[in-house]
Amino acid sequence: MGDEMLLGWEELGGIVDEFAQFLLPAASALAVVGLLASALIELLKQGLSLRRWHHRSWMRARCGERREALRDLAEELRKRRKEAQGSEQGDASELYDKADNLVRDACGPEAIEREAAAGDWRALYALPPERMIGQLDAAFQLSLMQPVANFDIFWLAAKGADVKDVADLLLADLDARSDRRGVEEISPRGEKIGDVRARVGARAQRQFDAWKVSLDYEWRRWMHIASVGLSAGIILAAGVWRTVFLNDVLDPVDLVFYAIVAFLGGVFAPVARDFVVNLKSLGARDR
């Protein structure tokens, strides 16, 4: 009985040794493929400015969403105009005309780029997500005090804020600029502008945090997809070249086999790359 168990353990040990002899070279080869794919991706990122175009496309999508939402603000301003016309505030039509003109063409990407980076959109969108959002946040803090002068970035960041709060701040700033009085009459809810400003600012900060997370996740996801695709392409090209070089012909069955191997290798190549890098870092730490 003991001899049989010993024999079984020896067979298991032999299987493990054979598997290790296969796994280590395969993992090393996949790690090389993963590193090569990473180098190609980095080259493409720098040469084609992929991050910059990705961020610019993201900004245009967000501006499109906020322009659609301008209808809610325009409707709120129309309600307030009617209320003002039915009160002693009949001379406020000029104020609402200015607000309507400001809202009509708001949230253009070019205006936001001008407010956040003095119009240098290349420098703005080349920043990592956290720093780019930081630039937008800094521009928004200024717009929170002067929404009329920086309404594009103000409306972009005010996503999720109550449209009545946005209208309060906009009309209060217009009122101050026209040397009018009676801001409380334009804001019939009777709230202090400081309280309204704090609410809008808090909502904007939550929006900035959400954008940081989503932008970083989206960028990493696309980079992972690109890494898997490039790794699979490298493995497939190597297999096809080897077959053609040796046999001068490529059998369809071989092509299907290499495609399957390339797909699996592409999935595991980034993992093998990270595994080898971590092993090297642990080895260096032990020294």
C-alpha atoms as a PDB file:
ATOM      1  CA  MET A   1       0.000   0.000   0.000  1.00  0.00           C
ATOM      2  CA  GLY A   2       2.794   2.408   0.935  1.00  0.00           C
ATOM      3  CA  ASP A   3       4.741   1.592  -2.219  1.00  0.00           C
ATOM      4  CA  GLU A   4       1.669   2.271  -4.349  1.00  0.00           C
ATOM      5  CA  MET A   5       1.121   5.636  -2.688  1.00  0.00           C
ATOM      6  CA  LEU A   6       4.792   6.518  -3.142  1.00  0.00           C
ATOM      7  CA  LEU A   7       4.573   5.528  -6.794  1.00  0.00           C
ATOM      8  CA  GLY A   8       1.474   7.691  -7.196  1.00  0.00           C
ATOM      9  CA  TRP A   9       3.194  10.692  -5.677  1.00  0.00           C
ATOM     10  CA  GLU A  10       6.191  10.181  -7.941  1.00  0.00           C
ATOM     11  CA  GLU A  11       3.932  10.070 -10.991  1.00  0.00           C
ATOM     12  CA  LEU A  12       2.172  13.223  -9.811  1.00  0.00           C
ATOM     13  CA  GLY A  13       5.528  14.901  -9.282  1.00  0.00           C
ATOM     14  CA  GLY A  14       6.587  13.923 -12.793  1.00  0.00           C
ATOM     15  CA  ILE A  15       3.397  15.388 -14.228  1.00  0.00           C
ATOM     16  CA  VAL A  16       3.954  18.613 -12.300  1.00  0.00           C
ATOM     17  CA  ASP A  17       7.563  18.800 -13.533  1.00  0.00           C
ATOM     18  CA  GLU A  18       6.478  18.275 -17.135  1.00  0.00           C
ATOM     19  CA  PHE A  19       3.768  20.904 -16.761  1.00  0.00           C
ATOM     20  CA  ALA A  20       6.256  23.356 -15.262  1.00  0.00           C
ATOM     21  CA  GLN A  21       8.708  22.701 -18.103  1.00  0.00           C
ATOM     22  CA  PHE A  22       5.927  23.589 -20.542  1.00  0.00           C
ATOM     23  CA  LEU A  23       4.405  26.442 -18.557  1.00  0.00           C
ATOM     24  CA  LEU A  24       7.514  28.500 -17.867  1.00  0.00           C
ATOM     25  CA  PRO A  25       8.673  28.797 -21.494  1.00  0.00           C
ATOM     26  CA  ALA A  26       5.074  29.433 -22.611  1.00  0.00           C
ATOM     27  CA  ALA A  27       4.613  32.113 -19.954  1.00  0.00           C
ATOM     28  CA  SER A  28       7.917  33.708 -20.923  1.00  0.00           C
ATOM     29  CA  ALA A  29       6.936  33.715 -24.602  1.00  0.00           C
ATOM     30  CA  LEU A  30       3.549  35.223 -23.805  1.00  0.00           C
ATOM     31  CA  ALA A  31       5.243  37.806 -21.590  1.00  0.00           C
ATOM     32  CA  VAL A  32       7.492  38.821 -24.486  1.00  0.00           C
ATOM     33  CA  VAL A  33       4.421  39.132 -26.721  1.00  0.00           C
ATOM     34  CA  GLY A  34       2.670  41.198 -24.052  1.00  0.00           C
ATOM     35  CA  LEU A  35       5.660  43.508 -23.667  1.00  0.00           C
ATOM     36  CA  LEU A  36       5.899  43.929 -27.430  1.00  0.00           C
ATOM     37  CA  ALA A  37       2.190  44.748 -27.614  1.00  0.00           C
ATOM     38  CA  SER A  38       2.587  47.277 -24.789  1.00  0.00           C
ATOM     39  CA  ALA A  39       5.494  48.914 -26.616  1.00  0.00           C
ATOM     40  CA  LEU A  40       3.450  49.153 -29.819  1.00  0.00           C
ATOM     41  CA  ILE A  41       0.500  50.632 -27.930  1.00  0.00           C
ATOM     42  CA  GLU A  42       2.751  53.216 -26.284  1.00  0.00           C
ATOM     43  CA  LEU A  43       4.199  54.086 -29.695  1.00  0.00           C
ATOM     44  CA  LEU A  44       0.705  54.518 -31.127  1.00  0.00           C
ATOM     45  CA  LYS A  45      -0.406  56.561 -28.115  1.00  0.00           C
ATOM     46  CA  GLN A  46       2.464  58.990 -28.557  1.00  0.00           C
ATOM     47  CA  GLY A  47       2.509  59.063 -32.348  1.00  0.00           C
ATOM     48  CA  LEU A  48      -1.234  59.344 -32.924  1.00  0.00           C
ATOM     49  CA  SER A  49      -2.091  61.246 -29.711  1.00  0.00           C
ATOM     50  CA  LEU A  50      -4.769  58.676 -28.876  1.00  0.00           C
ATOM     51  CA  ARG A  51      -5.440  60.062 -25.403  1.00  0.00           C
ATOM     52  CA  ARG A  52      -5.989  63.546 -26.785  1.00  0.00           C
ATOM     53  CA  TRP A  53      -8.522  62.402 -29.380  1.00  0.00           C
ATOM     54  CA  HIS A  54     -10.244  60.139 -26.877  1.00  0.00           C
ATOM     55  CA  HIS A  55     -10.688  63.005 -24.410  1.00  0.00           C
ATOM     56  CA  ARG A  56     -11.845  65.376 -27.127  1.00  0.00           C
ATOM     57  CA  SER A  57     -14.471  62.891 -28.279  1.00  0.00           C
ATOM     58  CA  TRP A  58     -15.573  62.430 -24.674  1.00  0.00           C
ATOM     59  CA  MET A  59     -15.935  66.197 -24.208  1.00  0.00           C
ATOM     60  CA  ARG A  60     -18.053  66.575 -27.329  1.00  0.00           C
ATOM     61  CA  ALA A  61     -20.344  63.807 -26.144  1.00  0.00           C
ATOM     62  CA  ARG A  62     -20.793  65.482 -22.736  1.00  0.00           C
ATOM     63  CA  CYS A  63     -21.459  68.851 -24.384  1.00  0.00           C
ATOM     64  CA  GLY A  64     -24.085  67.237 -26.597  1.00  0.00           C
ATOM     65  CA  GLU A  65     -25.846  65.823 -23.536  1.00  0.00           C
ATOM     66  CA  ARG A  66     -25.840  69.168 -21.750  1.00  0.00           C
ATOM     67  CA  ARG A  67     -27.082  71.055 -24.810  1.00  0.00           C
ATOM     68  CA  GLU A  68     -30.093  68.738 -24.864  1.00  0.00           C
ATOM     69  CA  ALA A  69     -30.724  69.584 -21.215  1.00  0.00           C
ATOM     70  CA  LEU A  70     -30.733  73.329 -21.944  1.00  0.00           C
ATOM     71  CA  ARG A  71     -34.407  72.986 -22.837  1.00  0.00           C
ATOM     72  CA  ASP A  72     -35.207  72.521 -19.144  1.00  0.00           C
ATOM     73  CA  LEU A  73     -33.378  75.728 -18.229  1.00  0.00           C
ATOM     74  CA  ALA A  74     -35.036  77.642 -21.067  1.00  0.00           C
ATOM     75  CA  GLU A  75     -38.441  76.462 -19.845  1.00  0.00           C
ATOM     76  CA  GLU A  76     -37.637  77.596 -16.296  1.00  0.00           C
ATOM     77  CA  LEU A  77     -36.633  81.033 -17.590  1.00  0.00           C
ATOM     78  CA  ARG A  78     -39.894  81.319 -19.570  1.00  0.00           C
ATOM     79  CA  LYS A  79     -41.899  80.564 -16.424  1.00  0.00           C
ATOM     80  CA  ARG A  80     -40.050  83.225 -14.486  1.00  0.00           C
ATOM     81  CA  ARG A  81     -40.490  85.762 -17.273  1.00  0.00           C
ATOM     82  CA  LYS A  82     -44.250  85.242 -17.142  1.00  0.00           C
ATOM     83  CA  GLU A  83     -44.230  85.638 -13.372  1.00  0.00           C
ATOM     84  CA  ALA A  84     -42.191  88.845 -13.661  1.00  0.00           C
ATOM     85  CA  GLN A  85     -44.534  90.266 -16.303  1.00  0.00           C
ATOM     86  CA  GLY A  86     -47.494  89.666 -14.012  1.00  0.00           C
ATOM     87  CA  SER A  87     -45.857  91.588 -11.153  1.00  0.00           C
ATOM     88  CA  GLU A  88     -44.360  95.009 -10.596  1.00  0.00           C
ATOM     89  CA  GLN A  89     -41.196  93.664 -12.225  1.00  0.00           C
ATOM     90  CA  GLY A  90     -42.345  94.448 -15.749  1.00  0.00           C
ATOM     91  CA  ASP A  91     -39.044  96.134 -16.627  1.00  0.00           C
ATOM     92  CA  ALA A  92     -37.180  92.846 -16.166  1.00  0.00           C
ATOM     93  CA  SER A  93     -37.720  91.749 -19.782  1.00  0.00           C
ATOM     94  CA  GLU A  94     -34.257  92.964 -20.783  1.00  0.00           C
ATOM     95  CA  LEU A  95     -32.739  90.794 -18.093  1.00  0.00           C
ATOM     96  CA  TYR A  96     -34.545  87.706 -19.354  1.00  0.00           C
ATOM     97  CA  ASP A  97     -33.624  88.525 -22.940  1.00  0.00           C
ATOM     98  CA  LYS A  98     -29.968  88.426 -21.938  1.00  0.00           C
ATOM     99  CA  ALA A  99     -30.498  85.125 -20.158  1.00  0.00           C
ATOM    100  CA  ASP A 100     -32.234  83.623 -23.187  1.00  0.00           C
ATOM    101  CA  ASN A 101     -29.412  84.734 -25.502  1.00  0.00           C
ATOM    102  CA  LEU A 102     -26.839  83.243 -23.139  1.00  0.00           C
ATOM    103  CA  VAL A 103     -28.641  79.912 -22.904  1.00  0.00           C
ATOM    104  CA  ARG A 104     -29.375  79.604 -26.610  1.00  0.00           C
ATOM    105  CA  ASP A 105     -25.764  78.937 -27.703  1.00  0.00           C
ATOM    106  CA  ALA A 106     -24.333  77.539 -24.464  1.00  0.00           C
ATOM    107  CA  CYS A 107     -22.062  74.580 -23.787  1.00  0.00           C
ATOM    108  CA  GLY A 108     -19.992  74.599 -26.962  1.00  0.00           C
ATOM    109  CA  PRO A 109     -16.758  72.554 -26.744  1.00  0.00           C
ATOM    110  CA  GLU A 110     -14.674  75.445 -28.063  1.00  0.00           C
ATOM    111  CA  ALA A 111     -15.976  77.768 -25.350  1.00  0.00           C
ATOM    112  CA  ILE A 112     -15.224  75.208 -22.627  1.00  0.00           C
ATOM    113  CA  GLU A 113     -11.712  74.704 -24.001  1.00  0.00           C
ATOM    114  CA  ARG A 114     -11.227  78.464 -23.937  1.00  0.00           C
ATOM    115  CA  GLU A 115     -12.431  78.763 -20.349  1.00  0.00           C
ATOM    116  CA  ALA A 116     -10.485  75.732 -19.062  1.00  0.00           C
ATOM    117  CA  ALA A 117      -7.216  76.052 -20.986  1.00  0.00           C
ATOM    118  CA  ALA A 118      -7.208  79.412 -22.752  1.00  0.00           C
ATOM    119  CA  GLY A 119      -8.281  77.662 -25.952  1.00  0.00           C
ATOM    120  CA  ASP A 120      -5.322  75.254 -26.065  1.00  0.00           C
ATOM    121  CA  TRP A 121      -7.398  72.111 -26.515  1.00  0.00           C
ATOM    122  CA  ARG A 122      -4.368  69.994 -27.447  1.00  0.00           C
ATOM    123  CA  ALA A 123      -2.708  70.635 -24.107  1.00  0.00           C
ATOM    124  CA  LEU A 124      -5.973  70.167 -22.206  1.00  0.00           C
ATOM    125  CA  TYR A 125      -6.899  66.825 -23.763  1.00  0.00           C
ATOM    126  CA  ALA A 126      -3.338  65.469 -23.615  1.00  0.00           C
ATOM    127  CA  LEU A 127      -3.504  65.508 -19.809  1.00  0.00           C
ATOM    128  CA  PRO A 128      -4.300  62.330 -17.836  1.00  0.00           C
ATOM    129  CA  PRO A 129      -7.982  62.101 -16.862  1.00  0.00           C
ATOM    130  CA  GLU A 130      -7.479  63.267 -13.282  1.00  0.00           C
ATOM    131  CA  ARG A 131      -5.512  66.359 -14.292  1.00  0.00           C
ATOM    132  CA  MET A 132      -7.869  67.223 -17.144  1.00  0.00           C
ATOM    133  CA  ILE A 133     -10.865  67.052 -14.807  1.00  0.00           C
ATOM    134  CA  GLY A 134      -8.870  69.175 -12.359  1.00  0.00           C
ATOM    135  CA  GLN A 135      -8.549  71.892 -15.009  1.00  0.00           C
ATOM    136  CA  LEU A 136     -12.297  71.764 -15.625  1.00  0.00           C
ATOM    137  CA  ASP A 137     -12.907  71.958 -11.873  1.00  0.00           C
ATOM    138  CA  ALA A 138     -10.707  75.049 -11.540  1.00  0.00           C
ATOM    139  CA  ALA A 139     -12.582  76.773 -14.359  1.00  0.00           C
ATOM    140  CA  PHE A 140     -15.896  75.814 -12.783  1.00  0.00           C
ATOM    141  CA  GLN A 141     -14.944  77.362  -9.429  1.00  0.00           C
ATOM    142  CA  LEU A 142     -14.552  80.686 -11.207  1.00  0.00           C
ATOM    143  CA  SER A 143     -17.825  80.217 -13.085  1.00  0.00           C
ATOM    144  CA  LEU A 144     -19.635  79.492  -9.823  1.00  0.00           C
ATOM    145  CA  MET A 145     -19.007  83.110  -8.798  1.00  0.00           C
ATOM    146  CA  GLN A 146     -19.532  84.515 -12.317  1.00  0.00           C
ATOM    147  CA  PRO A 147     -21.800  82.156 -14.273  1.00  0.00           C
ATOM    148  CA  VAL A 148     -22.536  84.740 -16.949  1.00  0.00           C
ATOM    149  CA  ALA A 149     -18.886  85.164 -17.932  1.00  0.00           C
ATOM    150  CA  ASN A 150     -18.203  81.413 -17.895  1.00  0.00           C
ATOM    151  CA  PHE A 151     -21.609  79.903 -18.497  1.00  0.00           C
ATOM    152  CA  ASP A 152     -20.436  77.069 -20.765  1.00  0.00           C
ATOM    153  CA  ILE A 153     -18.277  75.332 -18.158  1.00  0.00           C
ATOM    154  CA  PHE A 154     -20.821  76.267 -15.482  1.00  0.00           C
ATOM    155  CA  TRP A 155     -23.661  74.489 -17.284  1.00  0.00           C
ATOM    156  CA  LEU A 156     -21.469  71.511 -18.183  1.00  0.00           C
ATOM    157  CA  ALA A 157     -20.545  70.869 -14.544  1.00  0.00           C
ATOM    158  CA  ALA A 158     -24.018  71.640 -13.163  1.00  0.00           C
ATOM    159  CA  LYS A 159     -25.341  68.301 -14.391  1.00  0.00           C
ATOM    160  CA  GLY A 160     -27.565  66.910 -11.664  1.00  0.00           C
ATOM    161  CA  ALA A 161     -28.140  70.309 -10.053  1.00  0.00           C
ATOM    162  CA  ASP A 162     -31.679  71.649  -9.726  1.00  0.00           C
ATOM    163  CA  VAL A 163     -32.461  73.766 -12.772  1.00  0.00           C
ATOM    164  CA  LYS A 164     -34.117  76.294 -10.454  1.00  0.00           C
ATOM    165  CA  ASP A 165     -30.811  76.732  -8.610  1.00  0.00           C
ATOM    166  CA  VAL A 166     -29.012  77.268 -11.909  1.00  0.00           C
ATOM    167  CA  ALA A 167     -31.578  79.870 -12.950  1.00  0.00           C
ATOM    168  CA  ASP A 168     -31.204  81.638  -9.586  1.00  0.00           C
ATOM    169  CA  LEU A 169     -27.434  81.992  -9.976  1.00  0.00           C
ATOM    170  CA  LEU A 170     -27.641  83.019 -13.622  1.00  0.00           C
ATOM    171  CA  LEU A 171     -30.272  85.693 -13.055  1.00  0.00           C
ATOM    172  CA  ALA A 172     -28.544  86.982  -9.907  1.00  0.00           C
ATOM    173  CA  ASP A 173     -25.289  87.488 -11.809  1.00  0.00           C
ATOM    174  CA  LEU A 174     -27.091  89.191 -14.706  1.00  0.00           C
ATOM    175  CA  ASP A 175     -28.903  91.394 -12.213  1.00  0.00           C
ATOM    176  CA  ALA A 176     -25.649  92.439 -10.537  1.00  0.00           C
ATOM    177  CA  ARG A 177     -24.009  93.192 -13.895  1.00  0.00           C
ATOM    178  CA  SER A 178     -26.887  95.439 -14.954  1.00  0.00           C
ATOM    179  CA  ASP A 179     -26.770  97.354 -11.629  1.00  0.00           C
ATOM    180  CA  ARG A 180     -30.305  96.251 -10.878  1.00  0.00           C
ATOM    181  CA  ARG A 181     -31.655  95.611  -7.417  1.00  0.00           C
ATOM    182  CA  GLY A 182     -34.122  93.187  -5.974  1.00  0.00           C
ATOM    183  CA  VAL A 183     -32.440  89.873  -6.627  1.00  0.00           C
ATOM    184  CA  GLU A 184     -34.910  88.294  -4.222  1.00  0.00           C
ATOM    185  CA  GLU A 185     -37.743  89.249  -6.574  1.00  0.00           C
ATOM    186  CA  ILE A 186     -36.019  87.469  -9.490  1.00  0.00           C
ATOM    187  CA  SER A 187     -35.519  84.448  -7.234  1.00  0.00           C
ATOM    188  CA  PRO A 188     -39.000  84.074  -5.783  1.00  0.00           C
ATOM    189  CA  ARG A 189     -38.095  81.098  -3.609  1.00  0.00           C
ATOM    190  CA  GLY A 190     -36.497  83.534  -1.188  1.00  0.00           C
ATOM    191  CA  GLU A 191     -33.260  81.584  -0.661  1.00  0.00           C
ATOM    192  CA  LYS A 192     -29.869  83.155  -0.157  1.00  0.00           C
ATOM    193  CA  ILE A 193     -27.692  83.018  -3.237  1.00  0.00           C
ATOM    194  CA  GLY A 194     -24.833  81.673  -1.107  1.00  0.00           C
ATOM    195  CA  ASP A 195     -26.904  78.634  -0.165  1.00  0.00           C
ATOM    196  CA  VAL A 196     -27.887  78.052  -3.786  1.00  0.00           C
ATOM    197  CA  ARG A 197     -24.265  78.380  -4.872  1.00  0.00           C
ATOM    198  CA  ALA A 198     -23.172  75.818  -2.265  1.00  0.00           C
ATOM    199  CA  ARG A 199     -25.752  73.292  -3.493  1.00  0.00           C
ATOM    200  CA  VAL A 200     -24.747  73.664  -7.142  1.00  0.00           C
ATOM    201  CA  GLY A 201     -21.056  73.447  -6.205  1.00  0.00           C
ATOM    202  CA  ALA A 202     -21.591  70.241  -4.239  1.00  0.00           C
ATOM    203  CA  ARG A 203     -23.434  68.611  -7.143  1.00  0.00           C
ATOM    204  CA  ALA A 204     -20.681  69.671  -9.526  1.00  0.00           C
ATOM    205  CA  GLN A 205     -17.998  68.138  -7.318  1.00  0.00           C
ATOM    206  CA  ARG A 206     -19.833  64.821  -7.337  1.00  0.00           C
ATOM    207  CA  GLN A 207     -20.048  65.078 -11.125  1.00  0.00           C
ATOM    208  CA  PHE A 208     -16.322  65.730 -11.439  1.00  0.00           C
ATOM    209  CA  ASP A 209     -15.573  62.697  -9.248  1.00  0.00           C
ATOM    210  CA  ALA A 210     -17.837  60.524 -11.396  1.00  0.00           C
ATOM    211  CA  TRP A 211     -16.131  61.753 -14.563  1.00  0.00           C
ATOM    212  CA  LYS A 212     -12.700  60.911 -13.167  1.00  0.00           C
ATOM    213  CA  VAL A 213     -13.753  57.345 -12.443  1.00  0.00           C
ATOM    214  CA  SER A 214     -15.553  56.778 -15.739  1.00  0.00           C
ATOM    215  CA  LEU A 215     -12.823  58.359 -17.878  1.00  0.00           C
ATOM    216  CA  ASP A 216     -10.069  56.358 -16.207  1.00  0.00           C
ATOM    217  CA  TYR A 217     -12.049  53.119 -16.483  1.00  0.00           C
ATOM    218  CA  GLU A 218     -12.926  53.721 -20.133  1.00  0.00           C
ATOM    219  CA  TRP A 219      -9.329  54.516 -21.063  1.00  0.00           C
ATOM    220  CA  ARG A 220      -7.968  51.454 -19.269  1.00  0.00           C
ATOM    221  CA  ARG A 221     -10.618  49.238 -20.867  1.00  0.00           C
ATOM    222  CA  TRP A 222      -9.721  50.381 -24.375  1.00  0.00           C
ATOM    223  CA  MET A 223      -6.017  49.936 -23.662  1.00  0.00           C
ATOM    224  CA  HIS A 224      -6.672  46.386 -22.435  1.00  0.00           C
ATOM    225  CA  ILE A 225      -8.710  45.589 -25.547  1.00  0.00           C
ATOM    226  CA  ALA A 226      -5.916  46.995 -27.716  1.00  0.00           C
ATOM    227  CA  SER A 227      -3.323  44.952 -25.814  1.00  0.00           C
ATOM    228  CA  VAL A 228      -5.295  41.715 -26.289  1.00  0.00           C
ATOM    229  CA  GLY A 229      -5.882  42.465 -29.983  1.00  0.00           C
ATOM    230  CA  LEU A 230      -2.263  43.327 -30.719  1.00  0.00           C
ATOM    231  CA  SER A 231      -0.997  40.302 -28.794  1.00  0.00           C
ATOM    232  CA  ALA A 232      -3.325  38.015 -30.723  1.00  0.00           C
ATOM    233  CA  GLY A 233      -2.221  39.625 -33.986  1.00  0.00           C
ATOM    234  CA  ILE A 234       1.457  39.109 -33.161  1.00  0.00           C
ATOM    235  CA  ILE A 235       0.914  35.439 -32.294  1.00  0.00           C
ATOM    236  CA  LEU A 236      -1.173  34.824 -35.411  1.00  0.00           C
ATOM    237  CA  ALA A 237       1.366  36.561 -37.664  1.00  0.00           C
ATOM    238  CA  ALA A 238       4.224  34.577 -36.115  1.00  0.00           C
ATOM    239  CA  GLY A 239       2.400  31.273 -36.570  1.00  0.00           C
ATOM    240  CA  VAL A 240       1.401  31.998 -40.167  1.00  0.00           C
ATOM    241  CA  TRP A 241       4.905  33.189 -41.057  1.00  0.00           C
ATOM    242  CA  ARG A 242       6.470  30.062 -39.514  1.00  0.00           C
ATOM    243  CA  THR A 243       4.129  27.750 -41.437  1.00  0.00           C
ATOM    244  CA  VAL A 244       4.600  29.525 -44.759  1.00  0.00           C
ATOM    245  CA  PHE A 245       8.366  29.747 -44.252  1.00  0.00           C
ATOM    246  CA  LEU A 246       8.668  26.023 -43.531  1.00  0.00           C
ATOM    247  CA  ASN A 247       6.029  24.582 -45.887  1.00  0.00           C
ATOM    248  CA  ASP A 248       5.533  27.329 -48.489  1.00  0.00           C
ATOM    249  CA  VAL A 249       1.791  26.781 -48.075  1.00  0.00           C
ATOM    250  CA  LEU A 250      -0.820  27.538 -45.427  1.00  0.00           C
ATOM    251  CA  ASP A 251      -3.477  24.933 -44.826  1.00  0.00           C
ATOM    252  CA  PRO A 252      -6.916  26.279 -43.761  1.00  0.00           C
ATOM    253  CA  VAL A 253      -6.866  23.913 -40.797  1.00  0.00           C
ATOM    254  CA  ASP A 254      -3.558  25.409 -39.677  1.00  0.00           C
ATOM    255  CA  LEU A 255      -5.007  28.896 -40.049  1.00  0.00           C
ATOM    256  CA  VAL A 256      -7.981  28.036 -37.822  1.00  0.00           C
ATOM    257  CA  PHE A 257      -5.634  26.452 -35.281  1.00  0.00           C
ATOM    258  CA  TYR A 258      -3.374  29.515 -35.219  1.00  0.00           C
ATOM    259  CA  ALA A 259      -6.407  31.795 -34.905  1.00  0.00           C
ATOM    260  CA  ILE A 260      -7.584  29.902 -31.814  1.00  0.00           C
ATOM    261  CA  VAL A 261      -4.096  29.902 -30.314  1.00  0.00           C
ATOM    262  CA  ALA A 262      -3.729  33.611 -31.108  1.00  0.00           C
ATOM    263  CA  PHE A 263      -7.014  34.429 -29.394  1.00  0.00           C
ATOM    264  CA  LEU A 264      -6.118  32.508 -26.249  1.00  0.00           C
ATOM    265  CA  GLY A 265      -2.573  33.852 -26.303  1.00  0.00           C
ATOM    266  CA  GLY A 266      -3.867  37.398 -26.751  1.00  0.00           C
ATOM    267  CA  VAL A 267      -6.073  37.022 -23.679  1.00  0.00           C
ATOM    268  CA  PHE A 268      -3.291  35.606 -21.501  1.00  0.00           C
ATOM    269  CA  ALA A 269      -0.356  37.652 -22.852  1.00  0.00           C
ATOM    270  CA  PRO A 270      -1.097  40.767 -20.719  1.00  0.00           C
ATOM    271  CA  VAL A 271      -1.527  38.513 -17.659  1.00  0.00           C
ATOM    272  CA  ALA A 272       1.787  36.755 -18.361  1.00  0.00           C
ATOM    273  CA  ARG A 273       3.504  40.112 -18.855  1.00  0.00           C
ATOM    274  CA  ASP A 274       2.280  41.405 -15.496  1.00  0.00           C
ATOM    275  CA  PHE A 275       3.189  38.073 -13.850  1.00  0.00           C
ATOM    276  CA  VAL A 276       6.772  38.178 -15.113  1.00  0.00           C
ATOM    277  CA  VAL A 277       7.163  41.849 -14.205  1.00  0.00           C
ATOM    278  CA  ASN A 278       5.907  41.155 -10.682  1.00  0.00           C
ATOM    279  CA  LEU A 279       8.278  38.215 -10.328  1.00  0.00           C
ATOM    280  CA  LYS A 280      11.212  40.371 -11.359  1.00  0.00           C
ATOM    281  CA  SER A 281      10.207  43.091  -8.916  1.00  0.00           C
ATOM    282  CA  LEU A 282       9.968  40.532  -6.094  1.00  0.00           C
ATOM    283  CA  GLY A 283      13.373  39.136  -7.018  1.00  0.00           C
ATOM    284  CA  ALA A 284      14.903  42.596  -7.023  1.00  0.00           C
ATOM    285  CA  ARG A 285      13.312  43.317  -3.636  1.00  0.00           C
ATOM    286  CA  ASP A 286      14.774  40.128  -2.121  1.00  0.00           C
ATOM    287  CA  ARG A 287      18.261  41.193  -3.140  1.00  0.00           C
END
